[in-house]
């Protein structure tokens, strides 16, 4: 049965949404740098994505195969055959699993120093990951449920991809939130996925942030 480029592109987008790597269509619009109407036409099958659009998606989500979208050859997820087959043979495909919990809630006043030698190493299903971290709390439910393990990549430099989930290593301990601009240049806004009033948004001083790690993938523990 013939499957078009549009259908394969839509399948990729649906996978990214289901795996929580992509939050919504608005985020896809921002990633592709195209208008909302243009992206809507692609997702409805009315317009075929250009090669540049496919390339942009695959650059942002490197486990997606550009060749598969354009030609149908191979598999949608490159890591199924390139990364996963070698995970048990190559130690550099493992990452430290921190024996601490990032709080999916308000800052807790708890802090702890952990060295890599103290960490169990786990296989990462995604390339270029710095560490894995357990999540505790309900404020990021349902996007990042209590007990999940997230795989994160350290942010280097001043550029922040607002609207995505980050673990902030703060002077009061680690916290996981969606990040938005603060009320001034000195602050960032921490936003919960859970709209319960108990998990109200709040701001944090940038000077209280020791490090930032972007959540690349969330694995829900059954």
Protein backbone atom coordinates (compact mmCIF):
# COMPACT_ATOMS: atom_id res chain seq x y z
CA UNK A 1 0.00 0.00 0.00
CA UNK A 2 1.37 3.41 -0.97
CA UNK A 3 2.08 5.75 1.94
CA UNK A 4 2.81 9.38 1.13
CA UNK A 5 5.45 11.66 2.60
CA UNK A 6 2.63 13.57 4.30
CA UNK A 7 1.32 10.44 5.99
CA UNK A 8 4.76 9.47 7.25
CA UNK A 9 5.39 13.01 8.51
CA UNK A 10 2.07 12.98 10.37
CA UNK A 11 2.92 9.58 11.86
CA UNK A 12 6.19 11.02 13.18
CA UNK A 13 4.42 14.02 14.73
CA UNK A 14 1.86 11.74 16.40
CA UNK A 15 4.67 9.61 17.83
CA UNK A 16 6.45 12.68 19.19
CA UNK A 17 3.22 13.86 20.83
CA UNK A 18 2.47 10.45 22.35
CA UNK A 19 6.03 10.11 23.70
CA UNK A 20 5.85 13.63 25.23
CA UNK A 21 8.84 14.83 23.21
CA UNK A 22 6.49 17.34 21.58
CA UNK A 23 3.90 19.14 23.70
CA UNK A 24 1.42 20.38 21.09
CA UNK A 25 0.95 21.80 17.61
CA UNK A 26 1.99 25.27 18.77
CA UNK A 27 5.40 23.94 19.75
CA UNK A 28 5.73 22.24 16.35
CA UNK A 29 4.95 25.57 14.66
CA UNK A 30 7.74 27.23 16.66
CA UNK A 31 10.23 24.45 15.87
CA UNK A 32 9.54 24.53 12.14
CA UNK A 33 9.45 28.32 11.97
CA UNK A 34 6.33 28.23 9.79
CA UNK A 35 2.86 29.72 10.14
CA UNK A 36 0.16 27.93 12.10
CA UNK A 37 -1.97 27.68 8.94
CA UNK A 38 0.87 26.12 6.94
CA UNK A 39 1.56 23.50 9.61
CA UNK A 40 -2.18 22.77 9.97
CA UNK A 41 -2.38 22.06 6.24
CA UNK A 42 0.52 19.61 6.52
CA UNK A 43 -1.01 17.82 9.51
CA UNK A 44 -4.39 17.58 7.78
CA UNK A 45 -2.76 16.05 4.70
CA UNK A 46 -3.69 18.97 2.44
CA UNK A 47 -0.06 20.00 1.87
CA UNK A 48 3.07 17.87 1.59
CA UNK A 49 5.96 18.97 3.83
CA UNK A 50 8.97 20.31 1.97
CA UNK A 51 12.39 18.73 2.30
CA UNK A 52 13.46 21.71 4.41
CA UNK A 53 10.56 21.16 6.82
CA UNK A 54 11.40 17.45 7.16
CA UNK A 55 15.07 18.28 7.73
CA UNK A 56 14.16 20.83 10.42
CA UNK A 57 12.01 18.27 12.28
CA UNK A 58 14.75 15.63 12.16
CA UNK A 59 17.42 18.07 13.31
CA UNK A 60 15.32 18.87 16.38
CA UNK A 61 14.44 15.20 17.01
CA UNK A 62 17.55 13.30 15.86
CA UNK A 63 16.11 9.82 16.50
CA UNK A 64 13.60 10.41 13.66
CA UNK A 65 14.83 9.20 10.26
CA UNK A 66 14.71 11.83 7.54
CA UNK A 67 15.23 9.11 4.93
CA UNK A 68 12.18 7.20 6.17
CA UNK A 69 9.91 10.25 5.98
CA UNK A 70 11.05 11.16 2.47
CA UNK A 71 11.38 7.68 0.93
CA UNK A 72 9.73 5.17 3.25
CA UNK A 73 12.97 3.16 3.45
CA UNK A 74 14.24 1.93 6.79
CA UNK A 75 12.47 2.65 10.08
CA UNK A 76 10.90 5.80 11.47
CA UNK A 77 13.12 5.81 14.56
CA UNK A 78 16.80 5.61 13.69
CA UNK A 79 17.79 4.57 17.20
CA UNK A 80 15.81 1.34 16.95
CA UNK A 81 18.50 -0.01 14.66
CA UNK A 82 21.46 2.30 15.18
CA UNK A 83 21.50 2.96 18.91
CA UNK A 84 19.56 0.22 20.64
CA UNK A 85 21.38 -2.63 18.91
CA UNK A 86 24.65 -1.40 20.40
CA UNK A 87 23.49 -0.20 23.79
CA UNK A 88 24.59 -3.33 25.62
CA UNK A 89 28.01 -3.30 23.95
CA UNK A 90 29.05 0.33 24.45
CA UNK A 91 29.43 1.83 27.90
CA UNK A 92 29.18 5.35 26.50
CA UNK A 93 25.48 4.74 25.76
CA UNK A 94 24.73 4.63 29.47
CA UNK A 95 24.11 7.63 31.68
CA UNK A 96 24.19 8.15 35.44
CA UNK A 97 20.83 7.75 37.21
CA UNK A 98 20.96 10.23 40.06
CA UNK A 99 20.01 8.73 43.45
CA UNK A 100 17.97 11.85 44.21
CA UNK A 101 14.52 13.06 43.27
CA UNK A 102 13.71 16.24 41.35
CA UNK A 103 10.69 17.79 42.98
CA UNK A 104 7.67 18.23 40.72
CA UNK A 105 6.34 20.93 43.00
CA UNK A 106 7.51 23.93 44.98
CA UNK A 107 11.12 24.30 46.00
CA UNK A 108 11.68 22.18 49.07
CA UNK A 109 14.67 23.64 50.90
CA UNK A 110 16.43 20.31 50.34
CA UNK A 111 19.80 20.04 48.63
CA UNK A 112 22.28 17.23 48.15
CA UNK A 113 25.63 16.83 46.45
CA UNK A 114 26.09 13.69 44.35
CA UNK A 115 29.20 12.53 42.53
CA UNK A 116 28.96 10.40 39.38
CA UNK A 117 30.74 7.49 41.06
CA UNK A 118 27.77 7.19 43.45
CA UNK A 119 25.29 6.81 40.60
CA UNK A 120 23.91 3.66 39.05
CA UNK A 121 24.33 3.76 35.26
CA UNK A 122 21.32 3.06 33.07
CA UNK A 123 20.85 2.64 29.34
CA UNK A 124 19.61 5.78 27.63
CA UNK A 125 17.05 5.30 24.84
CA UNK A 126 18.02 8.71 23.44
CA UNK A 127 21.40 9.92 22.17
CA UNK A 128 23.42 12.78 23.66
CA UNK A 129 21.89 12.55 27.14
CA UNK A 130 23.79 13.72 30.22
CA UNK A 131 21.87 11.99 32.98
CA UNK A 132 18.62 10.39 34.11
CA UNK A 133 16.66 11.66 37.11
CA UNK A 134 13.73 10.30 39.13
CA UNK A 135 10.73 12.61 39.45
CA UNK A 136 8.74 12.96 42.65
CA UNK A 137 5.46 14.87 43.05
CA UNK A 138 2.22 15.57 41.22
CA UNK A 139 2.60 19.13 39.90
CA UNK A 140 3.79 17.98 36.45
CA UNK A 141 1.04 15.37 36.06
CA UNK A 142 -0.04 14.17 33.52
CA UNK A 143 2.95 15.18 31.38
CA UNK A 144 5.58 13.91 33.83
CA UNK A 145 3.87 11.69 36.44
CA UNK A 146 5.14 10.92 39.92
CA UNK A 147 7.74 8.13 39.79
CA UNK A 148 8.82 8.80 36.21
CA UNK A 149 12.42 8.85 35.07
CA UNK A 150 13.41 11.71 32.79
CA UNK A 151 16.43 11.84 30.51
CA UNK A 152 18.00 15.28 30.39
CA UNK A 153 20.58 17.26 28.45
CA UNK A 154 22.60 20.04 30.10
CA UNK A 155 21.93 23.53 28.74
CA UNK A 156 25.11 25.26 27.62
CA UNK A 157 24.91 29.02 27.10
CA UNK A 158 22.16 31.59 27.64
CA UNK A 159 19.58 30.30 25.13
CA UNK A 160 16.46 28.80 26.74
CA UNK A 161 13.76 27.03 24.74
CA UNK A 162 10.81 28.55 26.61
CA UNK A 163 7.73 26.37 27.00
CA UNK A 164 9.67 23.13 27.42
CA UNK A 165 10.31 21.15 30.60
CA UNK A 166 13.59 21.60 32.46
CA UNK A 167 15.18 20.36 35.63
CA UNK A 168 16.65 23.31 37.47
CA UNK A 169 19.52 22.58 39.84
CA UNK A 170 18.91 25.32 42.38
CA UNK A 171 20.33 26.43 45.70
CA UNK A 172 17.23 24.82 47.27
CA UNK A 173 17.52 21.53 45.39
CA UNK A 174 16.39 20.20 42.01
CA UNK A 175 12.96 21.03 40.60
CA UNK A 176 11.26 20.09 37.32
CA UNK A 177 8.99 22.64 35.61
CA UNK A 178 8.04 24.19 32.32
CA UNK A 179 10.02 27.42 31.97
CA UNK A 180 8.80 30.81 30.73
CA UNK A 181 10.22 34.35 30.89
CA UNK A 182 9.93 35.98 34.30
CA UNK A 183 8.55 39.38 35.21
CA UNK A 184 12.01 40.87 34.66
CA UNK A 185 15.42 39.86 33.34
CA UNK A 186 16.50 38.60 36.76
CA UNK A 187 13.79 35.92 37.02
CA UNK A 188 12.42 32.84 35.26
CA UNK A 189 8.84 31.64 35.67
CA UNK A 190 8.25 28.02 36.74
CA UNK A 191 5.00 26.55 35.40
CA UNK A 192 3.22 23.35 36.46
CA UNK A 193 1.44 20.98 34.08
CA UNK A 194 -1.10 20.21 36.80
CA UNK A 195 -3.66 23.03 37.07
CA UNK A 196 -4.58 22.20 40.66
CA UNK A 197 -4.37 25.46 42.73
CA UNK A 198 -1.86 23.74 45.01
CA UNK A 199 0.67 23.91 42.18
CA UNK A 200 0.58 27.61 41.38
CA UNK A 201 3.25 29.04 39.12
CA UNK A 202 6.10 30.96 40.75
CA UNK A 203 9.28 32.81 39.83
CA UNK A 204 12.87 32.02 40.69
CA UNK A 205 15.94 34.23 40.59
CA UNK A 206 18.38 33.25 37.85
CA UNK A 207 21.20 33.66 40.35
CA UNK A 208 19.66 30.81 42.40
CA UNK A 209 19.98 28.41 39.45
CA UNK A 210 23.21 26.39 39.49
CA UNK A 211 22.45 24.47 36.30
CA UNK A 212 19.68 23.80 33.77
CA UNK A 213 18.87 20.48 32.11
CA UNK A 214 16.29 20.20 29.33
CA UNK A 215 13.97 17.19 29.58
CA UNK A 216 14.38 15.26 26.34
CA UNK A 217 12.34 12.18 27.20
CA UNK A 218 10.10 10.96 30.01
CA UNK A 219 9.67 7.27 30.81
CA UNK A 220 6.68 6.50 32.98
CA UNK A 221 7.24 3.75 35.50
CA UNK A 222 4.40 1.24 35.78
